[in-house]
Every structure is written in C-alpha cells, then in structure tokens.
Full PDB file with SEQRES, HELIX, SHEET, SSBOND, CRYST1, ORIGX, SCALE, CONECT and MASTER records, all heavy atoms in Angstrom:
SEQRES   1 A   38  GLU ALA ALA GLY ASP VAL HIS VAL LEU LEU LEU ASP LYS          
SEQRES   2 A   38  THR GLY THR ILE THR PHE GLY ASN ARG ARG CYS SER ALA          
SEQRES   3 A   38  LEU HIS LYS ALA PRO GLY VAL THR GLU GLN GLU LEU              
HELIX    1 AA1 ALA A    3  ASP A    5  5                                   3    
HELIX    2 AA2 LYS A   13  ILE A   17  3                                   5    
CRYST1    1.000    1.000    1.000  90.00  90.00  90.00 P 1           1          
ORIGX1      1.000000  0.000000  0.000000        0.00000                         
ORIGX2      0.000000  1.000000  0.000000        0.00000                         
ORIGX3      0.000000  0.000000  1.000000        0.00000                         
SCALE1      1.000000  0.000000  0.000000        0.00000                         
SCALE2      0.000000  1.000000  0.000000        0.00000                         
SCALE3      0.000000  0.000000  1.000000        0.00000                         
ATOM      1  N   GLU A   1      96.378 122.731  92.875  1.00  0.00           N  
ATOM      2  CA  GLU A   1      94.947 123.024  92.838  1.00  0.00           C  
ATOM      3  C   GLU A   1      94.160 121.796  92.399  1.00  0.00           C  
ATOM      4  O   GLU A   1      93.057 121.561  92.886  1.00  0.00           O  
ATOM      5  CB  GLU A   1      94.686 124.214  91.916  1.00  0.00           C  
ATOM      6  CG  GLU A   1      95.271 125.501  92.462  1.00  0.00           C  
ATOM      7  CD  GLU A   1      94.747 126.724  91.757  1.00  0.00           C  
ATOM      8  OE1 GLU A   1      94.200 126.581  90.653  1.00  0.00           O  
ATOM      9  OE2 GLU A   1      94.894 127.817  92.307  1.00  0.00           O  
ATOM     10  N   ALA A   2      94.728 121.031  91.468  1.00  0.00           N  
ATOM     11  CA  ALA A   2      94.050 119.807  91.033  1.00  0.00           C  
ATOM     12  C   ALA A   2      93.920 118.844  92.200  1.00  0.00           C  
ATOM     13  O   ALA A   2      92.911 118.126  92.325  1.00  0.00           O  
ATOM     14  CB  ALA A   2      94.823 119.153  89.892  1.00  0.00           C  
ATOM     15  N   ALA A   3      94.912 118.839  93.084  1.00  0.00           N  
ATOM     16  CA  ALA A   3      94.848 117.956  94.257  1.00  0.00           C  
ATOM     17  C   ALA A   3      93.655 118.306  95.117  1.00  0.00           C  
ATOM     18  O   ALA A   3      93.055 117.423  95.754  1.00  0.00           O  
ATOM     19  CB  ALA A   3      96.141 118.076  95.075  1.00  0.00           C  
ATOM     20  N   GLY A   4      93.289 119.572  95.161  1.00  0.00           N  
ATOM     21  CA  GLY A   4      92.131 119.974  95.935  1.00  0.00           C  
ATOM     22  C   GLY A   4      90.817 119.518  95.358  1.00  0.00           C  
ATOM     23  O   GLY A   4      89.789 119.503  96.061  1.00  0.00           O  
ATOM     24  N   ASP A   5      90.806 119.127  94.086  1.00  0.00           N  
ATOM     25  CA  ASP A   5      89.564 118.676  93.429  1.00  0.00           C  
ATOM     26  C   ASP A   5      89.588 117.184  93.089  1.00  0.00           C  
ATOM     27  O   ASP A   5      88.751 116.715  92.327  1.00  0.00           O  
ATOM     28  CB  ASP A   5      89.350 119.467  92.125  1.00  0.00           C  
ATOM     29  CG  ASP A   5      88.826 120.874  92.394  1.00  0.00           C  
ATOM     30  OD1 ASP A   5      88.150 121.039  93.429  1.00  0.00           O  
ATOM     31  OD2 ASP A   5      89.086 121.773  91.589  1.00  0.00           O  
ATOM     32  N   VAL A   6      90.562 116.456  93.656  1.00  0.00           N  
ATOM     33  CA  VAL A   6      90.727 115.040  93.309  1.00  0.00           C  
ATOM     34  C   VAL A   6      89.504 114.231  93.733  1.00  0.00           C  
ATOM     35  O   VAL A   6      88.933 114.444  94.804  1.00  0.00           O  
ATOM     36  CB  VAL A   6      92.011 114.487  93.990  1.00  0.00           C  
ATOM     37  CG1 VAL A   6      91.959 112.984  94.137  1.00  0.00           C  
ATOM     38  CG2 VAL A   6      93.230 114.875  93.174  1.00  0.00           C  
ATOM     39  N   HIS A   7      89.106 113.301  92.870  1.00  0.00           N  
ATOM     40  CA  HIS A   7      87.994 112.395  93.167  1.00  0.00           C  
ATOM     41  C   HIS A   7      88.483 110.994  93.518  1.00  0.00           C  
ATOM     42  O   HIS A   7      87.820 110.276  94.252  1.00  0.00           O  
ATOM     43  CB  HIS A   7      87.061 112.277  91.954  1.00  0.00           C  
ATOM     44  CG  HIS A   7      86.473 113.582  91.509  1.00  0.00           C  
ATOM     45  ND1 HIS A   7      87.041 114.362  90.520  1.00  0.00           N  
ATOM     46  CD2 HIS A   7      85.376 114.258  91.934  1.00  0.00           C  
ATOM     47  CE1 HIS A   7      86.305 115.438  90.337  1.00  0.00           C  
ATOM     48  NE2 HIS A   7      85.290 115.412  91.173  1.00  0.00           N  
ATOM     49  N   VAL A   8      89.624 110.596  92.947  1.00  0.00           N  
ATOM     50  CA  VAL A   8      90.128 109.228  93.121  1.00  0.00           C  
ATOM     51  C   VAL A   8      91.613 109.279  93.479  1.00  0.00           C  
ATOM     52  O   VAL A   8      92.383 110.000  92.834  1.00  0.00           O  
ATOM     53  CB  VAL A   8      89.944 108.373  91.847  1.00  0.00           C  
ATOM     54  CG1 VAL A   8      90.434 106.952  92.071  1.00  0.00           C  
ATOM     55  CG2 VAL A   8      88.489 108.376  91.410  1.00  0.00           C  
ATOM     56  N   LEU A   9      92.011 108.518  94.512  1.00  0.00           N  
ATOM     57  CA  LEU A   9      93.412 108.398  94.917  1.00  0.00           C  
ATOM     58  C   LEU A   9      93.890 106.972  94.676  1.00  0.00           C  
ATOM     59  O   LEU A   9      93.293 106.032  95.196  1.00  0.00           O  
ATOM     60  CB  LEU A   9      93.583 108.721  96.394  1.00  0.00           C  
ATOM     61  CG  LEU A   9      93.639 110.175  96.839  1.00  0.00           C  
ATOM     62  CD1 LEU A   9      93.762 110.233  98.338  1.00  0.00           C  
ATOM     63  CD2 LEU A   9      94.789 110.900  96.207  1.00  0.00           C  
ATOM     64  N   LEU A  10      94.940 106.810  93.876  1.00  0.00           N  
ATOM     65  CA  LEU A  10      95.577 105.522  93.702  1.00  0.00           C  
ATOM     66  C   LEU A  10      96.807 105.469  94.601  1.00  0.00           C  
ATOM     67  O   LEU A  10      97.720 106.278  94.448  1.00  0.00           O  
ATOM     68  CB  LEU A  10      95.988 105.290  92.242  1.00  0.00           C  
ATOM     69  CG  LEU A  10      94.963 104.603  91.332  1.00  0.00           C  
ATOM     70  CD1 LEU A  10      93.737 105.495  91.154  1.00  0.00           C  
ATOM     71  CD2 LEU A  10      95.566 104.284  89.969  1.00  0.00           C  
ATOM     72  N   LEU A  11      96.812 104.544  95.556  1.00  0.00           N  
ATOM     73  CA  LEU A  11      97.892 104.456  96.525  1.00  0.00           C  
ATOM     74  C   LEU A  11      98.539 103.075  96.468  1.00  0.00           C  
ATOM     75  O   LEU A  11      97.845 102.063  96.507  1.00  0.00           O  
ATOM     76  CB  LEU A  11      97.383 104.716  97.942  1.00  0.00           C  
ATOM     77  CG  LEU A  11      96.693 106.054  98.168  1.00  0.00           C  
ATOM     78  CD1 LEU A  11      95.220 105.823  98.462  1.00  0.00           C  
ATOM     79  CD2 LEU A  11      97.329 106.810  99.300  1.00  0.00           C  
ATOM     80  N   ASP A  12      99.862 103.084  96.386  1.00  0.00           N  
ATOM     81  CA  ASP A  12     100.596 101.840  96.443  1.00  0.00           C  
ATOM     82  C   ASP A  12     100.441 101.235  97.833  1.00  0.00           C  
ATOM     83  O   ASP A  12     100.481 101.947  98.832  1.00  0.00           O  
ATOM     84  CB  ASP A  12     102.068 102.085  96.126  1.00  0.00           C  
ATOM     85  CG  ASP A  12     102.862 100.803  96.070  1.00  0.00           C  
ATOM     86  OD1 ASP A  12     102.452  99.896  95.326  1.00  0.00           O  
ATOM     87  OD2 ASP A  12     103.875 100.706  96.768  1.00  0.00           O  
ATOM     88  N   LYS A  13     100.285  99.901  97.892  1.00  0.00           N  
ATOM     89  CA  LYS A  13     100.105  99.257  99.196  1.00  0.00           C  
ATOM     90  C   LYS A  13     101.365  99.351 100.043  1.00  0.00           C  
ATOM     91  O   LYS A  13     101.346  99.845 101.159  1.00  0.00           O  
ATOM     92  CB  LYS A  13      99.740  97.774  98.995  1.00  0.00           C  
ATOM     93  CG  LYS A  13      99.486  97.023 100.303  1.00  0.00           C  
ATOM     94  CD  LYS A  13      99.693  95.531 100.160  1.00  0.00           C  
ATOM     95  CE  LYS A  13     101.167  95.203 100.032  1.00  0.00           C  
ATOM     96  NZ  LYS A  13     101.464  93.771 100.026  1.00  0.00           N  
ATOM     97  N   THR A  14     102.477  98.880  99.498  1.00  0.00           N  
ATOM     98  CA  THR A  14     103.703  98.766 100.269  1.00  0.00           C  
ATOM     99  C   THR A  14     104.301 100.140 100.545  1.00  0.00           C  
ATOM    100  O   THR A  14     104.633 100.883  99.627  1.00  0.00           O  
ATOM    101  CB  THR A  14     104.733  97.888  99.536  1.00  0.00           C  
ATOM    102  OG1 THR A  14     104.135  96.640  99.228  1.00  0.00           O  
ATOM    103  CG2 THR A  14     105.968  97.682 100.373  1.00  0.00           C  
ATOM    104  N   GLY A  15     104.451 100.458 101.814  1.00  0.00           N  
ATOM    105  CA  GLY A  15     105.057 101.729 102.203  1.00  0.00           C  
ATOM    106  C   GLY A  15     104.044 102.846 102.331  1.00  0.00           C  
ATOM    107  O   GLY A  15     104.352 103.884 102.916  1.00  0.00           O  
ATOM    108  N   THR A  16     102.850 102.674 101.795  1.00  0.00           N  
ATOM    109  CA  THR A  16     101.830 103.707 101.889  1.00  0.00           C  
ATOM    110  C   THR A  16     100.749 103.280 102.859  1.00  0.00           C  
ATOM    111  O   THR A  16     100.509 103.907 103.875  1.00  0.00           O  
ATOM    112  CB  THR A  16     101.201 103.989 100.516  1.00  0.00           C  
ATOM    113  OG1 THR A  16     102.219 104.269  99.581  1.00  0.00           O  
ATOM    114  CG2 THR A  16     100.224 105.142 100.600  1.00  0.00           C  
ATOM    115  N   ILE A  17     100.113 102.173 102.529  1.00  0.00           N  
ATOM    116  CA  ILE A  17      99.050 101.642 103.389  1.00  0.00           C  
ATOM    117  C   ILE A  17      99.645 100.740 104.460  1.00  0.00           C  
ATOM    118  O   ILE A  17      99.207 100.748 105.609  1.00  0.00           O  
ATOM    119  CB  ILE A  17      98.027 100.869 102.536  1.00  0.00           C  
ATOM    120  CG1 ILE A  17      97.329 101.856 101.576  1.00  0.00           C  
ATOM    121  CG2 ILE A  17      97.008 100.153 103.402  1.00  0.00           C  
ATOM    122  CD1 ILE A  17      96.413 101.193 100.579  1.00  0.00           C  
ATOM    123  N   THR A  18     100.677  99.988 104.100  1.00  0.00           N  
ATOM    124  CA  THR A  18     101.377  99.152 105.069  1.00  0.00           C  
ATOM    125  C   THR A  18     102.761  99.729 105.330  1.00  0.00           C  
ATOM    126  O   THR A  18     103.194 100.670 104.660  1.00  0.00           O  
ATOM    127  CB  THR A  18     101.511  97.707 104.560  1.00  0.00           C  
ATOM    128  OG1 THR A  18     102.370  97.697 103.398  1.00  0.00           O  
ATOM    129  CG2 THR A  18     100.154  97.136 104.176  1.00  0.00           C  
ATOM    130  N   PHE A  19     103.474  99.177 106.275  1.00  0.00           N  
ATOM    131  CA  PHE A  19     104.785  99.718 106.658  1.00  0.00           C  
ATOM    132  C   PHE A  19     105.857  99.465 105.615  1.00  0.00           C  
ATOM    133  O   PHE A  19     106.911 100.054 105.656  1.00  0.00           O  
ATOM    134  CB  PHE A  19     105.239  99.128 107.998  1.00  0.00           C  
ATOM    135  CG  PHE A  19     104.616  99.817 109.173  1.00  0.00           C  
ATOM    136  CD1 PHE A  19     103.547  99.251 109.841  1.00  0.00           C  
ATOM    137  CD2 PHE A  19     105.082 101.041 109.602  1.00  0.00           C  
ATOM    138  CE1 PHE A  19     102.975  99.883 110.927  1.00  0.00           C  
ATOM    139  CE2 PHE A  19     104.516 101.683 110.684  1.00  0.00           C  
ATOM    140  CZ  PHE A  19     103.451 101.098 111.360  1.00  0.00           C  
ATOM    141  N   GLY A  20     105.632  98.550 104.710  1.00  0.00           N  
ATOM    142  CA  GLY A  20     106.615  98.296 103.658  1.00  0.00           C  
ATOM    143  C   GLY A  20     107.448  97.072 103.912  1.00  0.00           C  
ATOM    144  O   GLY A  20     107.951  96.446 103.002  1.00  0.00           O  
ATOM    145  N   ASN A  21     107.616  96.684 105.163  1.00  0.00           N  
ATOM    146  CA  ASN A  21     108.320  95.451 105.515  1.00  0.00           C  
ATOM    147  C   ASN A  21     107.361  94.597 106.351  1.00  0.00           C  
ATOM    148  O   ASN A  21     106.695  95.099 107.253  1.00  0.00           O  
ATOM    149  CB  ASN A  21     109.577  95.754 106.327  1.00  0.00           C  
ATOM    150  CG  ASN A  21     110.603  96.535 105.526  1.00  0.00           C  
ATOM    151  OD1 ASN A  21     111.043  96.089 104.489  1.00  0.00           O  
ATOM    152  ND2 ASN A  21     110.967  97.707 106.030  1.00  0.00           N  
ATOM    153  N   ARG A  22     107.336  93.309 106.034  1.00  0.00           N  
ATOM    154  CA  ARG A  22     106.454  92.422 106.784  1.00  0.00           C  
ATOM    155  C   ARG A  22     106.941  92.281 108.209  1.00  0.00           C  
ATOM    156  O   ARG A  22     108.135  92.201 108.469  1.00  0.00           O  
ATOM    157  CB  ARG A  22     106.369  91.057 106.086  1.00  0.00           C  
ATOM    158  CG  ARG A  22     105.847  91.206 104.678  1.00  0.00           C  
ATOM    159  CD  ARG A  22     105.346  89.913 104.078  1.00  0.00           C  
ATOM    160  NE  ARG A  22     104.652  90.189 102.832  1.00  0.00           N  
ATOM    161  CZ  ARG A  22     103.775  89.377 102.282  1.00  0.00           C  
ATOM    162  NH1 ARG A  22     103.488  88.232 102.859  1.00  0.00           N  
ATOM    163  NH2 ARG A  22     103.173  89.697 101.166  1.00  0.00           N  
ATOM    164  N   ARG A  23     106.009  92.273 109.136  1.00  0.00           N  
ATOM    165  CA  ARG A  23     106.323  92.251 110.546  1.00  0.00           C  
ATOM    166  C   ARG A  23     105.754  91.011 111.224  1.00  0.00           C  
ATOM    167  O   ARG A  23     104.750  90.454 110.780  1.00  0.00           O  
ATOM    168  CB  ARG A  23     105.791  93.511 111.233  1.00  0.00           C  
ATOM    169  CG  ARG A  23     106.419  94.789 110.732  1.00  0.00           C  
ATOM    170  CD  ARG A  23     106.001  95.966 111.582  1.00  0.00           C  
ATOM    171  NE  ARG A  23     106.771  97.163 111.249  1.00  0.00           N  
ATOM    172  CZ  ARG A  23     106.781  98.256 112.007  1.00  0.00           C  
ATOM    173  NH1 ARG A  23     106.082  98.309 113.115  1.00  0.00           N  
ATOM    174  NH2 ARG A  23     107.498  99.300 111.639  1.00  0.00           N  
ATOM    175  N   CYS A  24     106.408  90.634 112.325  1.00  0.00           N  
ATOM    176  CA  CYS A  24     105.951  89.475 113.079  1.00  0.00           C  
ATOM    177  C   CYS A  24     104.672  89.832 113.820  1.00  0.00           C  
ATOM    178  O   CYS A  24     104.593  90.852 114.510  1.00  0.00           O  
ATOM    179  CB  CYS A  24     107.047  89.064 114.078  1.00  0.00           C  
ATOM    180  SG  CYS A  24     106.570  87.685 115.136  1.00  0.00           S  
ATOM    181  N   SER A  25     103.659  88.985 113.665  1.00  0.00           N  
ATOM    182  CA  SER A  25     102.381  89.229 114.345  1.00  0.00           C  
ATOM    183  C   SER A  25     102.005  88.105 115.291  1.00  0.00           C  
ATOM    184  O   SER A  25     101.169  88.297 116.161  1.00  0.00           O  
ATOM    185  CB  SER A  25     101.265  89.419 113.312  1.00  0.00           C  
ATOM    186  OG  SER A  25     101.070  88.236 112.556  1.00  0.00           O  
ATOM    187  N   ALA A  26     102.615  86.911 115.121  1.00  0.00           N  
ATOM    188  CA  ALA A  26     102.264  85.781 115.999  1.00  0.00           C  
ATOM    189  C   ALA A  26     103.269  84.639 115.811  1.00  0.00           C  
ATOM    190  O   ALA A  26     103.970  84.575 114.788  1.00  0.00           O  
ATOM    191  CB  ALA A  26     100.854  85.278 115.702  1.00  0.00           C  
ATOM    192  N   LEU A  27     103.349  83.754 116.819  1.00  0.00           N  
ATOM    193  CA  LEU A  27     104.128  82.520 116.752  1.00  0.00           C  
ATOM    194  C   LEU A  27     103.199  81.343 117.041  1.00  0.00           C  
ATOM    195  O   LEU A  27     102.305  81.444 117.900  1.00  0.00           O  
ATOM    196  CB  LEU A  27     105.277  82.527 117.768  1.00  0.00           C  
ATOM    197  CG  LEU A  27     106.642  83.062 117.299  1.00  0.00           C  
ATOM    198  CD1 LEU A  27     106.565  84.529 116.943  1.00  0.00           C  
ATOM    199  CD2 LEU A  27     107.706  82.840 118.380  1.00  0.00           C  
ATOM    200  N   HIS A  28     103.389  80.223 116.339  1.00  0.00           N  
ATOM    201  CA  HIS A  28     102.564  79.029 116.524  1.00  0.00           C  
ATOM    202  C   HIS A  28     103.497  77.851 116.802  1.00  0.00           C  
ATOM    203  O   HIS A  28     104.353  77.515 115.971  1.00  0.00           O  
ATOM    204  CB  HIS A  28     101.721  78.749 115.274  1.00  0.00           C  
ATOM    205  CG  HIS A  28     100.855  79.919 114.882  1.00  0.00           C  
ATOM    206  ND1 HIS A  28      99.658  80.188 115.481  1.00  0.00           N  
ATOM    207  CD2 HIS A  28     101.040  80.905 113.954  1.00  0.00           C  
ATOM    208  CE1 HIS A  28      99.118  81.283 114.931  1.00  0.00           C  
ATOM    209  NE2 HIS A  28      99.949  81.724 114.001  1.00  0.00           N  
ATOM    210  N   LYS A  29     103.324  77.218 117.961  1.00  0.00           N  
ATOM    211  CA  LYS A  29     104.229  76.136 118.350  1.00  0.00           C  
ATOM    212  C   LYS A  29     103.783  74.795 117.790  1.00  0.00           C  
ATOM    213  O   LYS A  29     102.585  74.554 117.566  1.00  0.00           O  
ATOM    214  CB  LYS A  29     104.335  76.058 119.856  1.00  0.00           C  
ATOM    215  CG  LYS A  29     103.031  75.865 120.625  1.00  0.00           C  
ATOM    216  CD  LYS A  29     103.248  76.006 122.114  1.00  0.00           C  
ATOM    217  CE  LYS A  29     101.939  75.858 122.895  1.00  0.00           C  
ATOM    218  NZ  LYS A  29     101.347  74.527 122.771  1.00  0.00           N  
ATOM    219  N   ALA A  30     104.775  73.944 117.573  1.00  0.00           N  
ATOM    220  CA  ALA A  30     104.502  72.580 117.122  1.00  0.00           C  
ATOM    221  C   ALA A  30     104.073  71.734 118.327  1.00  0.00           C  
ATOM    222  O   ALA A  30     104.372  72.093 119.479  1.00  0.00           O  
ATOM    223  CB  ALA A  30     105.749  71.996 116.465  1.00  0.00           C  
ATOM    224  N   PRO A  31     103.373  70.623 118.081  1.00  0.00           N  
ATOM    225  CA  PRO A  31     102.968  69.745 119.196  1.00  0.00           C  
ATOM    226  C   PRO A  31     104.175  69.290 120.011  1.00  0.00           C  
ATOM    227  O   PRO A  31     105.234  68.969 119.470  1.00  0.00           O  
ATOM    228  CB  PRO A  31     102.312  68.562 118.472  1.00  0.00           C  
ATOM    229  CG  PRO A  31     101.841  69.125 117.173  1.00  0.00           C  
ATOM    230  CD  PRO A  31     102.870  70.128 116.795  1.00  0.00           C  
ATOM    231  N   GLY A  32     104.032  69.299 121.335  1.00  0.00           N  
ATOM    232  CA  GLY A  32     105.095  68.846 122.214  1.00  0.00           C  
ATOM    233  C   GLY A  32     106.137  69.896 122.528  1.00  0.00           C  
ATOM    234  O   GLY A  32     107.116  69.617 123.227  1.00  0.00           O  
ATOM    235  N   VAL A  33     105.955  71.125 122.014  1.00  0.00           N  
ATOM    236  CA  VAL A  33     106.909  72.215 122.237  1.00  0.00           C  
ATOM    237  C   VAL A  33     106.253  73.255 123.147  1.00  0.00           C  
ATOM    238  O   VAL A  33     105.094  73.625 122.953  1.00  0.00           O  
ATOM    239  CB  VAL A  33     107.336  72.869 120.915  1.00  0.00           C  
ATOM    240  CG1 VAL A  33     108.276  74.039 121.170  1.00  0.00           C  
ATOM    241  CG2 VAL A  33     108.004  71.853 120.005  1.00  0.00           C  
ATOM    242  N   THR A  34     106.982  73.704 124.161  1.00  0.00           N  
ATOM    243  CA  THR A  34     106.435  74.740 125.045  1.00  0.00           C  
ATOM    244  C   THR A  34     106.568  76.109 124.395  1.00  0.00           C  
ATOM    245  O   THR A  34     107.417  76.341 123.527  1.00  0.00           O  
ATOM    246  CB  THR A  34     107.164  74.767 126.397  1.00  0.00           C  
ATOM    247  OG1 THR A  34     108.513  75.167 126.198  1.00  0.00           O  
ATOM    248  CG2 THR A  34     107.128  73.380 127.049  1.00  0.00           C  
ATOM    249  N   GLU A  35     105.720  77.018 124.850  1.00  0.00           N  
ATOM    250  CA  GLU A  35     105.754  78.394 124.306  1.00  0.00           C  
ATOM    251  C   GLU A  35     107.087  79.064 124.613  1.00  0.00           C  
ATOM    252  O   GLU A  35     107.655  79.763 123.762  1.00  0.00           O  
ATOM    253  CB  GLU A  35     104.608  79.213 124.917  1.00  0.00           C  
ATOM    254  CG  GLU A  35     104.509  80.627 124.356  1.00  0.00           C  
ATOM    255  CD  GLU A  35     103.300  81.382 124.888  1.00  0.00           C  
ATOM    256  OE1 GLU A  35     102.340  80.722 125.348  1.00  0.00           O  
ATOM    257  OE2 GLU A  35     103.333  82.625 124.841  1.00  0.00           O  
ATOM    258  N   GLN A  36     107.625  78.816 125.812  1.00  0.00           N  
ATOM    259  CA  GLN A  36     108.905  79.410 126.181  1.00  0.00           C  
ATOM    260  C   GLN A  36     110.026  78.883 125.304  1.00  0.00           C  
ATOM    261  O   GLN A  36     110.891  79.633 124.861  1.00  0.00           O  
ATOM    262  CB  GLN A  36     109.209  79.124 127.652  1.00  0.00           C  
ATOM    263  CG  GLN A  36     110.533  79.728 128.124  1.00  0.00           C  
ATOM    264  CD  GLN A  36     110.819  79.439 129.581  1.00  0.00           C  
ATOM    265  OE1 GLN A  36     109.980  78.861 130.287  1.00  0.00           O  
ATOM    266  NE2 GLN A  36     112.004  79.806 130.050  1.00  0.00           N  
ATOM    267  N   GLU A  37     110.006  77.581 125.021  1.00  0.00           N  
ATOM    268  CA  GLU A  37     111.038  76.969 124.180  1.00  0.00           C  
ATOM    269  C   GLU A  37     111.013  77.572 122.782  1.00  0.00           C  
ATOM    270  O   GLU A  37     112.071  77.900 122.225  1.00  0.00           O  
ATOM    271  CB  GLU A  37     110.818  75.450 124.119  1.00  0.00           C  
ATOM    272  CG  GLU A  37     111.909  74.701 123.367  1.00  0.00           C  
ATOM    273  CD  GLU A  37     111.630  73.203 123.323  1.00  0.00           C  
ATOM    274  OE1 GLU A  37     110.566  72.757 123.809  1.00  0.00           O  
ATOM    275  OE2 GLU A  37     112.478  72.469 122.781  1.00  0.00           O  
ATOM    276  N   LEU A  38     109.824  77.741 122.198  1.00  0.00           N  
ATOM    277  CA  LEU A  38     109.697  78.333 120.856  1.00  0.00           C  
ATOM    278  C   LEU A  38     110.155  79.782 120.860  1.00  0.00           C  
ATOM    279  O   LEU A  38     110.913  80.213 119.986  1.00  0.00           O  
ATOM    280  CB  LEU A  38     108.250  78.225 120.369  1.00  0.00           C  
ATOM    281  CG  LEU A  38     107.928  78.958 119.064  1.00  0.00           C  
ATOM    282  CD1 LEU A  38     108.754  78.414 117.906  1.00  0.00           C  
ATOM    283  CD2 LEU A  38     106.433  78.857 118.746  1.00  0.00           C  
TER     284      LEU A  38                                                      
MASTER        0    0    0    2    0    0    0    6  283    1    0    3          
END                                                                             
C-alpha cells in the first residue's frame, strides 16, 4: 500500500536504468585504416 503512495523512487543505474553491462555502440578507425579492416 505504501508503494501506491510513493512520492520518490531511488533506482540503481546499473541493471535498472541501463542493461548492467556496457555495450558496443560505435567503432572509430585510426588514420590510414579502412573500415572493413577495423
């Protein structure tokens, strides 16, 4: 019943707001390297 009257929620970031494990979002190539090679 208290949950029904809650005003503030404290949520842990890892596993709650985010997936919990860092994920690949992009690759950046060094000069002179092709995208396929990287």
